N, C-alpha and C. Protein backbone atom coordinates (compact mmCIF):
# COMPACT_ATOMS: atom_id res chain seq x y z
N MET A 1 -22.92 30.36 17.39
CA MET A 1 -21.69 30.26 16.78
C MET A 1 -20.77 30.96 17.60
N PRO A 2 -19.69 30.52 18.21
CA PRO A 2 -18.80 31.19 19.09
C PRO A 2 -17.92 32.25 18.36
N VAL A 3 -17.47 33.35 18.92
CA VAL A 3 -16.90 34.51 18.09
C VAL A 3 -15.34 34.45 19.09
N ILE A 4 -14.29 34.42 18.06
CA ILE A 4 -13.07 34.43 18.55
C ILE A 4 -12.67 35.95 18.76
N ASN A 5 -12.24 36.33 19.91
CA ASN A 5 -11.83 37.78 20.13
C ASN A 5 -10.41 37.94 19.36
N GLU A 6 -10.09 39.33 19.33
CA GLU A 6 -8.74 39.65 18.50
C GLU A 6 -7.61 39.00 19.14
N ARG A 7 -7.39 38.95 20.31
CA ARG A 7 -6.47 38.05 20.88
C ARG A 7 -6.10 36.81 20.62
N HIS A 8 -7.29 35.95 20.71
CA HIS A 8 -7.16 34.56 20.14
C HIS A 8 -6.98 34.34 18.75
N GLN A 9 -7.53 35.15 17.95
CA GLN A 9 -7.11 35.48 16.59
C GLN A 9 -5.71 35.61 16.33
N GLU A 10 -5.04 36.54 17.16
CA GLU A 10 -3.69 36.82 16.85
C GLU A 10 -2.66 35.56 17.26
N LEU A 11 -3.07 34.92 18.41
CA LEU A 11 -2.39 33.84 18.96
C LEU A 11 -2.48 32.70 17.99
N LYS A 12 -3.63 32.38 17.30
CA LYS A 12 -3.78 31.54 16.27
C LYS A 12 -2.87 31.64 15.06
N ARG A 13 -2.90 33.05 14.67
CA ARG A 13 -2.04 33.16 13.67
C ARG A 13 -0.46 33.08 13.72
N ARG A 14 -0.11 33.35 15.07
CA ARG A 14 1.30 33.45 15.51
C ARG A 14 1.68 31.79 15.61
N ARG A 15 0.80 31.09 16.08
CA ARG A 15 1.09 29.46 16.11
C ARG A 15 1.26 28.99 14.81
N HIS A 16 0.41 29.24 13.83
CA HIS A 16 0.48 28.98 12.36
C HIS A 16 1.82 29.41 11.78
N ARG A 17 1.98 30.75 11.96
CA ARG A 17 3.29 31.24 11.27
C ARG A 17 4.48 30.31 12.06
N LYS A 18 4.37 29.93 13.32
CA LYS A 18 5.59 29.17 13.86
C LYS A 18 5.90 28.02 13.26
N LYS A 19 4.61 27.32 13.13
CA LYS A 19 4.66 26.11 12.34
C LYS A 19 5.17 25.93 10.83
N VAL A 20 4.76 27.10 10.26
CA VAL A 20 5.21 27.18 8.95
C VAL A 20 6.77 27.64 8.69
N TYR A 21 7.18 28.32 9.71
CA TYR A 21 8.73 28.58 9.73
C TYR A 21 9.38 27.58 10.06
N ALA A 22 9.00 26.67 10.92
CA ALA A 22 9.66 25.44 11.18
C ALA A 22 9.71 24.55 9.82
N LYS A 23 8.73 24.51 9.08
CA LYS A 23 8.90 23.69 7.89
C LYS A 23 9.85 24.34 6.81
N PHE A 24 9.77 25.55 6.78
CA PHE A 24 10.79 26.30 5.81
C PHE A 24 12.31 26.00 6.38
N LYS A 25 12.58 26.36 7.59
CA LYS A 25 13.68 26.01 8.20
C LYS A 25 14.28 24.30 7.78
N ALA A 26 13.32 23.57 8.13
CA ALA A 26 13.75 22.13 7.62
C ALA A 26 13.94 21.95 6.20
N LYS A 27 13.34 22.87 5.25
CA LYS A 27 13.66 22.61 4.04
C LYS A 27 15.06 23.42 3.72
N LEU A 28 15.37 24.40 4.29
CA LEU A 28 16.53 25.16 4.23
C LEU A 28 17.64 24.39 4.63
N ALA A 29 17.32 23.43 5.58
CA ALA A 29 18.71 22.59 5.92
C ALA A 29 18.94 21.68 4.80
N LYS A 30 17.98 21.44 4.07
CA LYS A 30 18.60 20.19 2.96
C LYS A 30 19.00 20.93 1.85
N ASN A 31 19.38 22.38 1.79
CA ASN A 31 20.01 23.02 0.64
C ASN A 31 19.13 23.16 -0.64
N PRO A 32 18.15 23.76 -0.69
CA PRO A 32 17.05 23.69 -1.87
C PRO A 32 17.65 24.62 -2.98
N SER A 33 17.02 24.43 -4.12
CA SER A 33 17.56 25.09 -5.26
C SER A 33 16.98 26.39 -5.25
N ASN A 34 17.58 27.30 -6.16
CA ASN A 34 17.08 28.63 -6.23
C ASN A 34 15.53 28.72 -6.48
N ASP A 35 14.87 27.90 -7.40
CA ASP A 35 13.54 27.94 -7.54
C ASP A 35 12.83 27.67 -6.28
N GLU A 36 13.14 26.74 -5.51
CA GLU A 36 12.43 26.28 -4.32
C GLU A 36 12.59 27.56 -3.29
N LYS A 37 13.79 28.17 -3.26
CA LYS A 37 14.02 29.35 -2.43
C LYS A 37 12.93 30.61 -2.81
N ARG A 38 12.95 30.60 -3.96
CA ARG A 38 12.02 31.91 -4.58
C ARG A 38 10.54 31.60 -4.13
N LYS A 39 10.21 30.25 -4.20
CA LYS A 39 8.68 30.02 -3.86
C LYS A 39 8.50 30.16 -2.38
N MET A 40 9.28 29.80 -1.63
CA MET A 40 9.53 30.10 -0.16
C MET A 40 9.33 31.58 0.26
N ALA A 41 10.14 32.39 -0.46
CA ALA A 41 10.18 33.63 -0.42
C ALA A 41 8.79 34.40 -0.53
N GLY A 42 8.16 33.86 -1.92
CA GLY A 42 6.85 34.36 -2.01
C GLY A 42 5.74 33.91 -1.03
N LYS A 43 5.87 32.60 -0.65
CA LYS A 43 4.81 32.27 0.57
C LYS A 43 5.00 32.99 1.80
N LEU A 44 6.42 33.36 2.15
CA LEU A 44 6.48 34.24 3.48
C LEU A 44 5.85 35.46 3.20
N ARG A 45 6.00 36.10 2.10
CA ARG A 45 5.33 37.49 1.83
C ARG A 45 4.08 37.52 2.11
N LYS A 46 3.40 36.54 1.66
CA LYS A 46 1.94 36.36 1.99
C LYS A 46 1.37 35.88 3.34
N LEU A 47 2.43 35.33 4.09
CA LEU A 47 2.08 34.99 5.50
C LEU A 47 2.45 35.95 6.41
N THR A 48 3.37 36.82 6.16
CA THR A 48 3.63 38.00 7.23
C THR A 48 4.32 39.27 6.80
N PRO A 49 3.83 40.23 7.63
CA PRO A 49 4.41 41.63 7.02
C PRO A 49 5.96 41.68 7.20
N ALA A 50 6.51 40.95 8.17
CA ALA A 50 8.08 41.04 8.51
C ALA A 50 8.83 40.17 7.36
N ALA A 51 8.07 39.96 6.10
CA ALA A 51 8.68 38.56 5.37
C ALA A 51 10.07 39.41 4.98
N GLU A 52 10.12 40.54 4.41
CA GLU A 52 11.47 41.12 3.84
C GLU A 52 12.75 40.77 5.09
N GLU A 53 12.42 40.89 6.13
CA GLU A 53 13.50 40.81 6.98
C GLU A 53 13.91 39.30 7.15
N LEU A 54 13.01 38.41 7.28
CA LEU A 54 13.10 36.75 7.22
C LEU A 54 13.95 36.68 6.04
N ILE A 55 13.51 37.07 4.69
CA ILE A 55 14.10 36.59 3.47
C ILE A 55 15.72 36.98 3.67
N GLN A 56 15.99 38.28 3.93
CA GLN A 56 17.43 38.69 4.06
C GLN A 56 18.12 37.81 5.20
N ARG A 57 17.46 37.46 6.18
CA ARG A 57 18.14 36.58 7.33
C ARG A 57 18.47 35.08 6.91
N TRP A 58 17.55 34.75 6.20
CA TRP A 58 17.60 33.28 5.69
C TRP A 58 18.20 33.15 4.45
N ASN A 59 18.65 34.23 3.70
CA ASN A 59 19.24 34.28 2.39
C ASN A 59 18.48 33.47 1.40
N LEU A 60 17.14 33.86 1.28
CA LEU A 60 16.35 33.23 0.24
C LEU A 60 16.49 33.95 -1.18
N GLU A 61 16.74 35.23 -1.13
CA GLU A 61 17.10 35.95 -2.33
C GLU A 61 18.09 36.76 -2.41
N SER A 62 18.72 36.69 -3.49
CA SER A 62 19.91 37.54 -3.52
C SER A 62 19.62 39.04 -4.12
C-alpha cells in the first residue's frame, strides 16, 4: 500500500479546499438566504483554520 508523504497530503487538501471555495462562491453569486449562509459558514469552519477570515470577507455572518 503506497504511503502519501506530508507534502502530497497538503497539496491534496489545498486542491480540495479550492474546489469547495469555488462552489461556495458560485452559491454566493446567487444571493443565498441567511440560513444557507449560516450552513456555508459552518462547513467552512470544519474545512479550514482560516475560516473566520473567509466568513468575514464573504459576509456570511453578521
